[in-house]
Amino acid sequence: MKVVDVFMCYYEADCVANERPRHAAKVSLTCTTDAGTVDYVWAVSFFPHDAEDDFAVSYDAETSRSIYNAKGRRAKKREGEFLEQRESICDELAEEFKGKIFWDKPLIEARLG
């Protein structure tokens, strides 16, 4: 099994989960390949980010969605299409926690894999 983060970035966010304010969100697109099958999953995890250098991600306010699972392998064209859907899919995921991701306020430079 091979797991690759196709995309990962932290953004300013607003959310309250488990009675705890969250000020940031980790957004990632992960690809898992195993035995000729490929699976792509978008995930959003809201975390406190109480200080500028606080990137301790708490996984109690996390949600994810598999957007593609089929026989095959990674494809750059397919991944490009998934990246274009990032905001719409992740905004839907954020709604599960009544959270908001501020896409124009990344906390780090996006990592592409």
Protein backbone atom coordinates (compact mmCIF):
# COMPACT_ATOMS: atom_id res chain seq x y z
CA MET A 1 0.00 0.00 0.00
CA LYS A 2 1.26 3.46 -0.91
CA VAL A 3 -0.17 6.66 0.61
CA VAL A 4 0.65 10.07 -0.87
CA ASP A 5 -0.58 13.52 0.12
CA VAL A 6 -1.42 15.01 -3.27
CA PHE A 7 -2.25 18.34 -1.59
CA MET A 8 -1.96 19.67 1.95
CA CYS A 9 -2.30 23.17 3.34
CA TYR A 10 -3.34 24.92 6.55
CA TYR A 11 -5.81 27.81 6.36
CA GLU A 12 -7.32 30.29 8.75
CA ALA A 13 -10.76 29.03 9.71
CA ASP A 14 -13.61 29.54 12.10
CA CYS A 15 -15.32 26.71 13.90
CA VAL A 16 -16.40 25.59 17.35
CA ALA A 17 -16.18 21.87 17.96
CA ASN A 18 -16.60 20.09 21.27
CA GLU A 19 -17.11 23.51 22.86
CA ARG A 20 -13.60 24.54 21.75
CA PRO A 21 -12.98 27.40 19.29
CA ARG A 22 -10.93 26.40 16.25
CA HIS A 23 -9.04 29.05 14.30
CA ALA A 24 -7.46 26.94 11.55
CA ALA A 25 -8.10 23.97 9.31
CA LYS A 26 -5.84 21.40 7.73
CA VAL A 27 -7.05 20.55 4.22
CA SER A 28 -5.62 17.54 2.41
CA LEU A 29 -6.16 15.36 -0.62
CA THR A 30 -4.70 11.90 -0.04
CA CYS A 31 -4.20 9.17 -2.61
CA THR A 32 -3.93 5.55 -1.51
CA THR A 33 -2.97 2.86 -3.99
CA ASP A 34 -3.15 -0.81 -3.13
CA ALA A 35 -3.44 -3.99 -5.19
CA GLY A 36 -4.32 -2.15 -8.40
CA THR A 37 -6.90 0.14 -6.78
CA VAL A 38 -6.63 3.89 -6.30
CA ASP A 39 -8.60 5.91 -3.72
CA TYR A 40 -8.66 9.72 -3.38
CA VAL A 41 -9.93 11.31 -0.17
CA TRP A 42 -10.45 14.98 0.71
CA ALA A 43 -10.13 15.65 4.46
CA VAL A 44 -10.69 18.71 6.64
CA SER A 45 -9.53 18.91 10.24
CA PHE A 46 -10.29 21.99 12.33
CA PHE A 47 -7.77 22.72 15.08
CA PRO A 48 -7.29 25.41 17.76
CA HIS A 49 -4.29 27.38 16.38
CA ASP A 50 -4.24 29.59 19.47
CA ALA A 51 -0.85 31.07 18.59
CA GLU A 52 0.93 31.84 15.34
CA ASP A 53 3.25 28.86 15.77
CA ASP A 54 0.58 26.45 17.07
CA PHE A 55 0.02 23.80 14.42
CA ALA A 56 -0.96 20.98 16.76
CA VAL A 57 -3.77 19.36 14.79
CA SER A 58 -6.48 17.84 16.95
CA TYR A 59 -8.37 15.12 15.18
CA ASP A 60 -11.62 15.44 17.11
CA ALA A 61 -13.07 17.83 14.51
CA GLU A 62 -12.20 15.98 11.33
CA THR A 63 -14.28 14.86 8.40
CA SER A 64 -13.44 13.32 5.05
CA ARG A 65 -14.96 12.12 1.80
CA SER A 66 -13.72 9.58 -0.70
CA ILE A 67 -14.18 11.20 -4.10
CA TYR A 68 -12.75 8.45 -6.32
CA ASN A 69 -12.20 4.74 -5.80
CA ALA A 70 -11.54 2.47 -8.75
CA LYS A 71 -9.12 0.08 -10.38
CA GLY A 72 -6.15 1.92 -11.79
CA ARG A 73 -3.31 4.16 -10.71
CA ARG A 74 -2.55 7.80 -10.02
CA ALA A 75 -3.16 10.20 -12.89
CA LYS A 76 -1.98 13.83 -12.95
CA LYS A 77 -4.94 14.91 -15.11
CA ARG A 78 -7.42 13.37 -12.67
CA GLU A 79 -5.61 14.94 -9.72
CA GLY A 80 -5.78 18.33 -11.43
CA GLU A 81 -9.55 17.97 -11.71
CA PHE A 82 -9.80 17.00 -8.04
CA LEU A 83 -7.72 20.03 -7.02
CA GLU A 84 -10.13 22.30 -8.91
CA GLN A 85 -12.95 20.90 -6.75
CA ARG A 86 -11.08 21.57 -3.48
CA GLU A 87 -13.05 24.57 -2.25
CA SER A 88 -16.53 23.28 -3.09
CA ILE A 89 -15.98 19.81 -1.62
CA CYS A 90 -14.15 21.03 1.48
CA ASP A 91 -16.74 23.74 2.13
CA GLU A 92 -19.38 20.99 2.15
CA LEU A 93 -17.25 18.98 4.57
CA ALA A 94 -16.75 22.06 6.79
CA GLU A 95 -20.51 22.49 7.01
CA GLU A 96 -20.67 19.28 9.06
CA PHE A 97 -19.09 21.31 11.89
CA LYS A 98 -20.72 24.60 10.86
CA GLY A 99 -17.17 25.71 10.08
CA LYS A 100 -15.75 28.18 7.58
CA ILE A 101 -12.40 27.91 5.79
CA PHE A 102 -10.82 31.18 4.65
CA TRP A 103 -9.31 30.11 1.32
CA ASP A 104 -7.61 33.47 0.78
CA LYS A 105 -5.70 33.15 4.09
CA PRO A 106 -3.32 30.18 3.94
CA LEU A 107 -1.11 29.76 7.02
CA ILE A 108 1.63 27.94 5.09
CA GLU A 109 2.49 27.42 1.45
CA ALA A 110 0.52 24.53 -0.05
CA ARG A 111 2.41 21.25 -0.37
CA LEU A 112 1.90 19.22 -3.52
CA GLY A 113 3.00 15.62 -3.78
